[in-house]
Protein backbone atom coordinates (compact mmCIF):
# COMPACT_ATOMS: atom_id res chain seq x y z
CA MET A 1 11.63 6.26 -22.21
CA SER A 2 11.37 2.81 -23.58
CA ASP A 3 8.66 1.98 -26.12
CA LYS A 4 8.24 -1.37 -24.37
CA ILE A 5 6.85 -0.05 -21.03
CA THR A 6 4.69 -2.55 -19.44
CA LYS A 7 4.29 -1.98 -15.98
CA LYS A 8 4.13 1.26 -13.59
CA VAL A 9 5.81 2.01 -10.32
CA PHE A 10 4.92 4.85 -8.03
CA LEU A 11 7.27 6.73 -5.98
CA ILE A 12 6.03 7.75 -2.60
CA CYS A 13 8.10 10.79 -1.24
CA PRO A 14 7.82 14.36 -0.21
CA ILE A 15 8.11 16.67 -2.83
CA GLY A 16 9.40 19.86 -1.40
CA GLU A 17 10.02 23.40 -2.55
CA GLU A 18 12.59 23.44 -5.59
CA LYS A 19 14.94 25.96 -3.42
CA TYR A 20 15.43 23.50 -0.70
CA GLY A 21 17.67 20.41 -0.50
CA VAL A 22 14.85 17.82 0.02
CA ARG A 23 13.72 18.56 -3.52
CA ALA A 24 17.12 18.41 -5.05
CA HIS A 25 17.92 14.97 -3.28
CA LEU A 26 14.36 13.53 -4.47
CA ASP A 27 14.65 15.04 -8.06
CA LYS A 28 18.31 13.01 -8.10
CA LEU A 29 16.77 9.79 -6.64
CA LEU A 30 13.92 9.90 -9.10
CA LYS A 31 16.18 10.28 -12.24
CA MET A 32 18.37 7.40 -10.93
CA LEU A 33 15.48 5.16 -10.35
CA GLY A 34 14.06 6.13 -13.66
CA ASN A 35 17.34 5.03 -15.35
CA ALA A 36 17.19 1.63 -13.35
CA LEU A 37 13.67 0.88 -14.25
CA ASN A 38 13.44 1.90 -17.69
CA PRO A 39 15.46 -0.71 -19.06
CA ILE A 40 13.44 -3.58 -17.51
CA HIS A 41 10.13 -1.81 -18.96
CA TYR A 42 8.95 0.06 -15.80
CA GLU A 43 7.66 3.28 -15.97
CA LEU A 44 8.46 5.53 -12.84
CA VAL A 45 5.68 8.00 -11.62
CA ARG A 46 5.91 10.62 -8.81
CA ALA A 47 2.98 12.74 -7.67
CA ASP A 48 4.23 15.84 -9.27
CA LYS A 49 4.98 14.25 -12.58
CA ILE A 50 1.41 13.13 -13.14
CA GLY A 51 0.26 15.14 -16.35
CA ASP A 52 -3.28 14.34 -16.12
CA ILE A 53 -5.63 17.35 -15.19
CA GLY A 54 -7.64 16.62 -12.07
CA ILE A 55 -7.48 16.66 -8.24
CA ILE A 56 -3.89 15.76 -7.33
CA THR A 57 -5.15 13.57 -4.20
CA ARG A 58 -7.46 11.52 -5.90
CA GLN A 59 -4.74 10.88 -8.46
CA ILE A 60 -2.16 9.95 -5.98
CA ILE A 61 -4.66 7.62 -4.27
CA ASN A 62 -5.67 5.93 -7.80
CA GLU A 63 -1.87 5.44 -8.38
CA LEU A 64 -1.42 4.02 -4.98
CA LEU A 65 -4.42 1.40 -5.71
CA SER A 66 -3.34 0.67 -9.12
CA ALA A 67 0.50 0.94 -9.63
CA ASP A 68 2.07 -2.54 -10.15
CA PHE A 69 4.76 -1.60 -7.54
CA VAL A 70 5.32 1.26 -5.03
CA ILE A 71 8.52 2.43 -3.68
CA ALA A 72 8.16 4.54 -0.47
CA ASP A 73 11.08 6.71 0.57
CA ILE A 74 11.00 7.36 4.28
CA THR A 75 14.23 9.27 4.43
CA HIS A 76 12.76 12.55 5.41
CA LEU A 77 10.03 10.94 7.89
CA ASN A 78 7.37 12.75 6.13
CA ALA A 79 3.81 12.44 7.37
CA ASN A 80 2.31 12.15 3.94
CA VAL A 81 4.68 9.45 2.92
CA PHE A 82 3.60 7.31 5.81
CA TYR A 83 -0.20 7.99 4.94
CA GLU A 84 0.29 7.03 1.48
CA LEU A 85 2.26 3.90 2.45
CA ALA A 86 -0.71 3.03 4.81
CA ILE A 87 -3.15 3.18 1.86
CA ARG A 88 -1.00 1.09 -0.29
CA ASP A 89 -0.33 -1.63 2.70
CA CYS A 90 -4.22 -1.78 3.05
CA ALA A 91 -4.53 -2.44 -0.66
CA LYS A 92 -2.31 -5.58 -0.25
CA LYS A 93 -0.20 -4.86 -3.07
CA PRO A 94 3.63 -4.86 -3.35
CA GLY A 95 6.02 -2.32 -2.67
CA MET A 96 9.46 -1.69 -0.95
CA ILE A 97 10.46 0.94 1.64
CA ILE A 98 13.71 2.79 1.23
CA TYR A 99 15.85 5.38 2.92
CA ASP A 100 19.14 7.24 2.22
CA LYS A 101 21.63 5.97 4.71
CA SER A 102 23.70 8.99 4.41
CA LEU A 103 20.77 11.28 5.71
CA MET A 104 18.97 9.10 8.07
CA ASP A 105 20.03 6.52 10.66
CA SER A 106 18.18 3.14 10.39
CA LYS A 107 17.36 3.49 14.31
CA LYS A 108 15.14 6.51 13.47
CA ILE A 109 12.88 4.29 11.30
CA PRO A 110 9.40 4.63 13.25
CA PHE A 111 8.25 1.49 15.06
CA ASP A 112 5.17 0.39 12.90
CA VAL A 113 7.33 0.40 9.92
CA ASN A 114 10.73 -1.07 11.42
CA ALA A 115 9.00 -4.74 11.27
CA VAL A 116 9.10 -4.58 7.64
CA ARG A 117 12.47 -5.14 5.69
CA THR A 118 13.84 -1.77 4.51
CA PHE A 119 16.32 -1.05 1.70
CA TYR A 120 19.04 1.67 2.17
CA TYR A 121 20.79 3.49 -0.62
CA ASP A 122 23.08 6.23 -1.43
CA VAL A 123 22.76 8.59 -4.52
CA ASP A 124 26.31 9.53 -4.24
CA ILE A 125 28.01 6.28 -3.73
CA ALA A 126 28.38 4.16 -7.14
CA ASP A 127 28.56 0.90 -5.33
CA ALA A 128 26.14 1.37 -2.54
CA TRP A 129 23.77 2.52 -5.69
CA THR A 130 24.66 -0.55 -7.82
CA GLU A 131 24.07 -2.84 -4.77
CA PHE A 132 20.65 -1.09 -4.05
CA GLN A 133 19.58 -1.50 -7.73
CA SER A 134 20.25 -5.12 -7.79
CA LYS A 135 18.03 -5.54 -4.69
CA LEU A 136 15.45 -3.36 -6.50
CA VAL A 137 15.24 -5.49 -9.55
CA ASP A 138 15.24 -8.66 -7.41
CA GLN A 139 12.29 -7.30 -5.40
CA LEU A 140 10.31 -6.30 -8.75
CA GLN A 141 10.93 -9.84 -10.16
CA LYS A 142 9.73 -11.64 -7.01
CA THR A 143 6.48 -9.81 -7.13
CA GLN A 144 5.91 -11.03 -10.86
CA SER A 145 5.86 -14.70 -9.31
CA LYS A 146 2.49 -16.43 -9.62
CA ASP A 147 3.38 -17.72 -6.07
CA TYR A 148 3.92 -14.21 -4.55
CA THR A 149 2.18 -13.16 -1.67
CA CYS A 150 2.32 -9.55 -0.43
CA ILE A 151 3.19 -9.25 3.16
CA ASN A 152 3.21 -6.29 5.33
CA THR A 153 2.16 -4.92 8.63
CA VAL A 154 -1.43 -4.83 7.61
CA THR A 155 -1.56 -8.28 5.85
CA ALA A 156 0.25 -9.88 8.77
CA ALA A 157 -2.13 -8.57 11.34
CA LEU A 158 -5.20 -9.65 9.00
CA ASP A 159 -3.64 -13.01 8.73
CA SER A 160 -2.78 -13.60 12.56
CA PRO A 161 -4.90 -16.09 14.73
CA GLU A 162 -5.99 -12.90 16.99
CA TYR A 163 -7.70 -11.21 13.97
CA PHE A 164 -9.23 -14.61 12.84
CA SER A 165 -10.59 -15.05 16.30
CA LEU A 166 -11.95 -11.76 16.44
CA GLU A 167 -13.73 -12.29 13.01
CA MET A 168 -15.03 -15.40 14.06
CA LYS A 169 -16.58 -13.93 17.13
CA ARG A 170 -18.11 -11.10 15.07
CA TYR A 171 -19.36 -13.97 12.69
CA ASP A 172 -20.95 -15.66 15.45
CA SER A 173 -22.57 -12.50 16.92
CA THR A 174 -24.04 -11.75 13.44
CA LEU A 175 -25.32 -15.10 13.00
CA GLU A 176 -27.02 -14.90 16.58
CA ASN A 177 -28.52 -11.49 15.74
CA LEU A 178 -29.87 -13.05 12.54
CA SER A 179 -31.38 -15.90 14.08
CA LYS A 180 -33.18 -14.02 16.68
CA SER A 181 -34.43 -11.78 14.21
CA LEU A 182 -35.61 -14.55 11.90
CA TYR A 183 -37.49 -15.99 14.86
CA SER A 184 -39.06 -12.51 15.70
CA LEU A 185 -40.12 -12.45 12.18
CA LYS A 186 -41.41 -15.93 12.29
CA GLN A 187 -43.45 -15.19 15.34
CA GLU A 188 -44.79 -11.86 13.79
CA ILE A 189 -45.78 -13.78 10.70
CA GLY A 190 -47.61 -16.38 12.67
CA GLU A 191 -49.49 -13.88 14.85
CA ARG A 192 -50.63 -12.01 11.73
CA ILE A 193 -51.79 -15.34 10.14
CA ASP A 194 -53.85 -16.03 13.25
CA SER A 195 -55.33 -12.47 13.24
CA VAL A 196 -56.48 -12.99 9.70
CA SER A 197 -57.90 -16.39 10.30
CA GLU A 198 -59.94 -15.18 13.25
CA ARG A 199 -61.30 -12.30 11.22
CA THR A 200 -62.39 -14.60 8.19
CA SER A 201 -63.65 -17.40 10.58
């Protein structure tokens, strides 16, 4: 590993048991991603490679919230992957969604994720991997720009006119309730002042 590591990339993916093909496939991906990221000073972390002692789910969430960049591999349509991806999206932090086109048809990408640009790779075809690696580096560089804005399904919904209108209604409702509470409080204070005045007169 380079001595000049400055940023961290967290890989969201299933782990799987070592004797099954999923694990072998993702171990190969982990190695190839590491080889691509290390020269540009990014450390790649996967959940099972976290060396610290502690509760693994808490450590995963900490990585999801703190990592400079996240790569989510949805090839195996694993439920945990989508759960962790949702946490990252809610954090409004950058990342990219990838899948191995030799193992999954793009038509199988779930509807809620399909709206976001995904990137395919193939660990067994050199040209395909070189093309993917170039896109990965490009995405990393874009997120370092001062003008970069994270856009995903969550941020898009929060920035929509519909959500703004809903928030304004909630805001107006809150103000109305606050106004009513202040009016009631004013009346109560007035009544108490009148009561004290009557007792002392």
